[in-house]
Amino acid sequence: MEHLTALTVFRHAVELGSFAATSRHLGLSPAAVSKNISELEAHLAVRLFNRTTRRMSLTEAGGLYYERIVRVLDDLAAADDVLRAAQATPKGLLRVSAPMTLTLLCLSTVVPKFLTRYPEVSLDLQLDDRYVNIVDQGFDLALRGSDNLEDSSLIARKLMDLRHVVCGSPAYFEQYGVPASPAELAKHSCIQFTPSSHANAWRFKQGDRTVTVPIKGRYKVNSSLAIRDALRAGFGLSLIPWIYVREDLREGHLQTVLAEWSPNEATVYAIYPSKRYLTSKVRGFLDFLIEEMSG
């Protein structure tokens, strides 16, 4: 008896309800089906089916055995699918949701590289800084920056840390002074990024000490690029990801303050539905994101 074949025959006999249907489905002779079932029963020393000339039914032992072996056979089939998917060429439409600023400054220039690598993939990349329900809206994957990722049924894969800095223009600090401590931010015009969980209060750490500072200002906006423009114009100061202002800092258009304090940080995640195995197109894009962003 070839054990896996016998288990497969048994499963289909249960699900199809007859040896004849199993014979036709698997392309085996009726004698081969009957022989596999008989040899499996002999191996287990238990009767799996009650059989008459007109009717076949599972025994109690057969029902218990079926419940167990179905899971095993499904796992084996899934394992085969994993290897096939790993070898398969990514293809088809890939729908991705991503934050506007993060994508424009960190990812959009390398998207053509991904599409060149996988010529059979089409990418529908939707840029939106708002929270998007990727399951309801039919996205395969989303990029999300968060300092407190919510619990959900989605899978989250860390891509990069998004270090933040407090900064402003030299002209602003010349006119209004440089804050010497987080508490002094209350005297400054702070530009607020409204989608953030820390839009109205900024948290700082120094060693074991943590302080949370309520902030206020005349300008609230849902775009980090707009905040950067306001900083350049000397309108105020803000807490912003370093990667968004690194060129301005290097060229002296902006400068950081409170360097001895560590402000809020966020992590960028790739989010995708909780499926047991990823399709090759999602796996290919996820590996590409890790390659491009994790450094």
Protein backbone atom coordinates (compact mmCIF):
# COMPACT_ATOMS: atom_id res chain seq x y z
CA MET A 1 0.00 0.00 0.00
CA GLU A 2 1.25 3.48 -0.89
CA HIS A 3 0.10 5.33 2.21
CA LEU A 4 -0.46 8.80 0.75
CA THR A 5 -2.40 7.38 -2.19
CA ALA A 6 -4.56 5.33 0.17
CA LEU A 7 -5.31 8.42 2.30
CA THR A 8 -6.21 10.41 -0.80
CA VAL A 9 -8.50 7.64 -2.02
CA PHE A 10 -10.16 7.39 1.40
CA ARG A 11 -10.75 11.14 1.57
CA HIS A 12 -12.39 11.30 -1.85
CA ALA A 13 -14.49 8.23 -1.13
CA VAL A 14 -15.88 10.04 1.93
CA GLU A 15 -16.47 13.31 0.10
CA LEU A 16 -17.86 11.83 -3.11
CA GLY A 17 -19.95 9.20 -1.35
CA SER A 18 -19.02 6.19 -3.50
CA PHE A 19 -16.07 4.18 -4.74
CA ALA A 20 -17.30 4.52 -8.32
CA ALA A 21 -17.24 8.34 -8.16
CA THR A 22 -13.81 8.20 -6.53
CA SER A 23 -12.58 5.94 -9.32
CA ARG A 24 -13.74 8.39 -11.97
CA HIS A 25 -12.40 11.46 -10.12
CA LEU A 26 -8.93 10.07 -9.48
CA GLY A 27 -8.60 8.13 -12.72
CA LEU A 28 -8.14 4.81 -10.91
CA SER A 29 -9.87 1.53 -11.62
CA PRO A 30 -12.68 0.51 -9.24
CA ALA A 31 -10.52 -2.42 -8.15
CA ALA A 32 -7.65 -0.07 -7.26
CA VAL A 33 -9.95 2.12 -5.16
CA SER A 34 -11.35 -0.88 -3.31
CA LYS A 35 -7.86 -2.31 -2.79
CA ASN A 36 -6.52 0.94 -1.32
CA ILE A 37 -9.40 1.18 1.13
CA SER A 38 -9.05 -2.48 2.16
CA GLU A 39 -5.30 -2.18 2.67
CA LEU A 40 -5.75 1.02 4.68
CA GLU A 41 -8.29 -0.74 6.91
CA ALA A 42 -5.91 -3.66 7.35
CA HIS A 43 -3.08 -1.26 8.21
CA LEU A 44 -5.23 0.46 10.84
CA ALA A 45 -6.92 -2.72 12.01
CA VAL A 46 -10.27 -0.95 11.91
CA ARG A 47 -13.22 -0.80 9.53
CA LEU A 48 -13.61 2.65 7.95
CA PHE A 49 -16.77 2.04 5.92
CA ASN A 50 -19.88 -0.03 6.35
CA ARG A 51 -20.45 -1.43 2.86
CA THR A 52 -23.40 -3.26 1.34
CA THR A 53 -24.27 -3.89 -2.30
CA ARG A 54 -26.47 -0.80 -2.29
CA ARG A 55 -25.02 1.57 0.27
CA MET A 56 -21.79 2.79 1.82
CA SER A 57 -21.45 4.78 5.04
CA LEU A 58 -18.65 5.86 7.33
CA THR A 59 -18.12 4.07 10.59
CA GLU A 60 -17.58 6.11 13.74
CA ALA A 61 -13.86 5.32 13.55
CA GLY A 62 -13.87 6.30 9.86
CA GLY A 63 -15.41 9.67 10.70
CA LEU A 64 -12.76 10.41 13.34
CA TYR A 65 -10.00 9.35 10.98
CA TYR A 66 -11.38 11.50 8.16
CA GLU A 67 -11.38 14.63 10.35
CA ARG A 68 -7.69 14.15 11.14
CA ILE A 69 -6.37 13.15 7.74
CA VAL A 70 -8.18 15.98 5.91
CA ARG A 71 -6.09 18.48 7.85
CA VAL A 72 -2.91 16.58 7.06
CA LEU A 73 -3.70 16.35 3.35
CA ASP A 74 -4.65 20.04 3.20
CA ASP A 75 -1.36 20.98 4.89
CA LEU A 76 0.59 18.87 2.42
CA ALA A 77 -1.21 20.49 -0.51
CA ALA A 78 -0.57 23.95 0.96
CA ALA A 79 3.11 23.14 1.38
CA ASP A 80 3.24 22.18 -2.29
CA ASP A 81 1.54 25.48 -3.16
CA VAL A 82 4.13 27.45 -1.17
CA LEU A 83 6.98 25.99 -3.17
CA ARG A 84 5.12 26.48 -6.43
CA ALA A 85 4.39 30.10 -5.51
CA ALA A 86 8.03 30.68 -4.59
CA GLN A 87 9.05 29.44 -8.03
CA ALA A 88 6.22 31.14 -9.88
CA THR A 89 6.79 34.34 -11.80
CA PRO A 90 4.95 37.26 -10.16
CA LYS A 91 2.19 38.43 -12.46
CA GLY A 92 -1.14 40.21 -12.49
CA LEU A 93 -2.47 43.45 -10.98
CA LEU A 94 -0.98 44.50 -7.64
CA ARG A 95 -2.97 47.14 -5.72
CA VAL A 96 -1.00 49.05 -3.08
CA SER A 97 -1.98 51.89 -0.74
CA ALA A 98 0.78 54.12 0.62
CA PRO A 99 1.25 57.48 2.38
CA MET A 100 1.78 60.36 -0.03
CA THR A 101 4.93 61.98 1.42
CA LEU A 102 6.70 58.78 2.35
CA THR A 103 6.20 57.40 -1.14
CA LEU A 104 7.22 60.57 -2.97
CA LEU A 105 10.39 61.02 -0.94
CA CYS A 106 11.46 57.43 -0.31
CA LEU A 107 9.89 55.07 -2.80
CA SER A 108 8.48 56.50 -6.03
CA THR A 109 11.89 56.84 -7.70
CA VAL A 110 12.52 53.09 -7.37
CA VAL A 111 9.06 51.84 -8.39
CA PRO A 112 10.18 51.56 -12.05
CA LYS A 113 12.96 49.26 -10.83
CA PHE A 114 10.35 46.90 -9.36
CA LEU A 115 8.26 46.94 -12.54
CA THR A 116 11.35 46.30 -14.65
CA ARG A 117 12.26 43.34 -12.45
CA TYR A 118 8.77 41.84 -12.79
CA PRO A 119 7.51 42.67 -16.31
CA GLU A 120 4.30 40.64 -15.87
CA VAL A 121 3.13 42.71 -12.87
CA SER A 122 0.94 45.80 -13.21
CA LEU A 123 1.00 48.19 -10.23
CA ASP A 124 -1.93 50.33 -9.08
CA LEU A 125 -0.32 52.56 -6.42
CA GLN A 126 -2.78 54.77 -4.53
CA LEU A 127 -1.25 57.58 -2.46
CA ASP A 128 -3.24 58.74 0.54
CA ASP A 129 -2.11 59.86 3.99
CA ARG A 130 -5.45 58.82 5.48
CA TYR A 131 -6.11 55.43 7.08
CA VAL A 132 -7.33 53.01 4.43
CA ASN A 133 -9.17 49.75 5.10
CA ILE A 134 -7.24 47.59 2.67
CA VAL A 135 -9.57 44.60 2.91
CA ASP A 136 -12.76 46.57 2.20
CA GLN A 137 -11.11 48.55 -0.60
CA GLY A 138 -9.44 45.56 -2.23
CA PHE A 139 -5.77 46.38 -1.71
CA ASP A 140 -3.17 43.62 -1.68
CA LEU A 141 -0.79 45.55 0.56
CA ALA A 142 -0.42 48.93 2.27
CA LEU A 143 2.43 50.94 3.71
CA ARG A 144 1.67 52.50 7.05
CA GLY A 145 3.70 54.64 9.44
CA SER A 146 2.73 54.41 13.09
CA ASP A 147 4.11 54.80 16.60
CA ASN A 148 1.30 52.62 17.95
CA LEU A 149 0.11 50.08 15.41
CA GLU A 150 -3.44 48.99 16.16
CA ASP A 151 -4.28 45.36 16.80
CA SER A 152 -6.00 43.78 13.83
CA SER A 153 -6.25 40.66 11.73
CA LEU A 154 -3.67 42.12 9.34
CA ILE A 155 -0.06 41.04 9.15
CA ALA A 156 2.52 43.80 9.75
CA ARG A 157 6.10 43.54 8.49
CA LYS A 158 8.52 46.20 9.73
CA LEU A 159 10.33 48.07 6.94
CA MET A 160 12.12 50.99 8.59
CA ASP A 161 12.23 53.30 11.61
CA LEU A 162 11.11 56.85 10.95
CA ARG A 163 13.25 59.02 13.23
CA HIS A 164 11.79 62.43 14.02
CA VAL A 165 13.45 65.77 14.76
CA VAL A 166 12.23 69.13 16.00
CA CYS A 167 13.41 71.77 13.57
CA GLY A 168 12.84 75.23 12.16
CA SER A 169 14.58 77.81 10.05
CA PRO A 170 17.53 79.88 11.31
CA ALA A 171 15.45 83.03 10.67
CA TYR A 172 12.66 81.72 12.93
CA PHE A 173 15.01 80.89 15.78
CA GLU A 174 16.77 84.25 15.41
CA GLN A 175 13.45 86.02 15.86
CA TYR A 176 11.80 83.83 18.50
CA GLY A 177 14.70 82.11 20.23
CA VAL A 178 15.76 78.48 20.54
CA PRO A 179 13.81 76.29 23.01
CA ALA A 180 16.18 74.96 25.65
CA SER A 181 13.77 72.27 26.91
CA PRO A 182 10.59 70.58 25.69
CA ALA A 183 8.55 72.69 28.13
CA GLU A 184 9.59 75.86 26.29
CA LEU A 185 7.77 74.64 23.17
CA ALA A 186 4.63 76.13 24.75
CA LYS A 187 5.98 79.59 23.85
CA HIS A 188 6.50 78.69 20.18
CA SER A 189 4.32 78.41 17.10
CA CYS A 190 4.22 74.66 16.44
CA ILE A 191 3.03 73.37 13.08
CA GLN A 192 0.86 70.29 13.63
CA PHE A 193 0.59 67.20 11.42
CA THR A 194 -3.08 66.35 11.91
CA PRO A 195 -3.12 62.62 10.91
CA SER A 196 -0.56 61.82 13.60
CA SER A 197 -1.50 60.28 16.94
CA HIS A 198 0.73 62.95 18.53
CA ALA A 199 -0.70 65.94 16.67
CA ASN A 200 -1.57 67.83 19.86
CA ALA A 201 1.16 66.61 22.21
CA TRP A 202 4.77 65.69 21.55
CA ARG A 203 6.55 63.12 23.69
CA PHE A 204 10.27 63.29 24.49
CA LYS A 205 12.67 60.95 26.26
CA GLN A 206 15.98 61.66 27.94
CA GLY A 207 17.46 58.62 29.66
CA ASP A 208 14.75 57.22 31.95
CA ARG A 209 12.76 60.44 31.87
CA THR A 210 9.75 60.91 29.59
CA VAL A 211 7.82 64.14 29.17
CA THR A 212 4.74 64.88 27.11
CA VAL A 213 4.29 68.47 26.01
CA PRO A 214 0.98 69.91 24.78
CA ILE A 215 1.67 72.04 21.73
CA LYS A 216 -0.31 74.71 19.91
CA GLY A 217 -0.06 76.82 16.81
CA ARG A 218 -2.02 78.54 14.08
CA TYR A 219 -1.29 75.99 11.37
CA LYS A 220 -2.54 72.43 11.21
CA VAL A 221 -2.12 70.43 8.03
CA ASN A 222 -2.32 66.80 6.85
CA SER A 223 0.78 66.92 4.62
CA SER A 224 4.38 66.69 5.79
CA LEU A 225 5.44 68.40 2.56
CA ALA A 226 3.28 71.38 3.48
CA ILE A 227 4.88 71.41 6.93
CA ARG A 228 8.31 71.40 5.33
CA ASP A 229 7.34 74.39 3.18
CA ALA A 230 6.15 76.28 6.25
CA LEU A 231 9.38 75.48 8.09
CA ARG A 232 11.42 76.77 5.16
CA ALA A 233 9.36 79.96 5.20
CA GLY A 234 10.22 80.53 8.88
CA PHE A 235 6.60 80.27 10.02
CA GLY A 236 7.25 78.06 13.04
CA LEU A 237 8.86 74.83 14.17
CA SER A 238 7.62 71.28 13.93
CA LEU A 239 8.23 67.64 14.74
CA ILE A 240 8.88 65.93 11.41
CA PRO A 241 10.59 62.77 10.14
CA TRP A 242 14.29 63.46 9.63
CA ILE A 243 14.28 61.80 6.23
CA TYR A 244 11.83 64.46 4.94
CA VAL A 245 14.13 67.37 5.83
CA ARG A 246 17.60 65.84 5.58
CA GLU A 247 18.58 67.91 2.54
CA ASP A 248 17.39 71.14 4.20
CA LEU A 249 19.34 70.30 7.34
CA ARG A 250 22.49 69.50 5.41
CA GLU A 251 22.25 72.72 3.39
CA GLY A 252 21.46 74.86 6.45
CA HIS A 253 17.95 75.89 5.41
CA LEU A 254 16.65 74.26 8.60
CA GLN A 255 18.25 73.37 11.92
CA THR A 256 17.34 70.97 14.69
CA VAL A 257 16.78 71.85 18.33
CA LEU A 258 16.43 69.81 21.53
CA ALA A 259 19.03 67.39 20.18
CA GLU A 260 19.64 65.95 23.64
CA TRP A 261 16.02 64.77 23.77
CA SER A 262 14.63 61.86 21.76
CA PRO A 263 11.20 62.75 20.33
CA ASN A 264 8.40 60.56 19.05
CA GLU A 265 9.46 57.98 16.52
CA ALA A 266 7.35 55.97 14.14
CA THR A 267 7.85 52.71 12.34
CA VAL A 268 6.93 52.08 8.72
CA TYR A 269 5.19 48.75 8.18
CA ALA A 270 4.01 46.79 5.20
CA ILE A 271 0.47 45.68 6.02
CA TYR A 272 -1.32 42.86 4.25
CA PRO A 273 -4.33 40.63 4.90
CA SER A 274 -3.87 37.64 7.12
CA LYS A 275 -3.60 34.93 4.52
CA ARG A 276 -1.76 31.72 5.18
CA TYR A 277 0.46 32.12 2.15
CA LEU A 278 1.31 35.15 0.04
CA THR A 279 0.87 35.29 -3.69
CA SER A 280 4.08 35.62 -5.66
CA LYS A 281 3.28 39.21 -6.71
CA VAL A 282 2.79 40.33 -3.08
CA ARG A 283 5.84 38.40 -1.92
CA GLY A 284 7.90 39.96 -4.72
CA PHE A 285 6.82 43.49 -3.79
CA LEU A 286 7.31 42.88 -0.07
CA ASP A 287 10.85 41.59 -0.67
CA PHE A 288 11.49 44.62 -2.87
CA LEU A 289 10.29 47.02 -0.14
CA ILE A 290 12.55 45.35 2.43
CA GLU A 291 15.48 45.57 0.03
CA GLU A 292 14.93 49.27 -0.73
CA MET A 293 13.73 50.62 2.63
CA SER A 294 15.24 48.58 5.45
CA GLY A 295 18.62 50.29 5.03
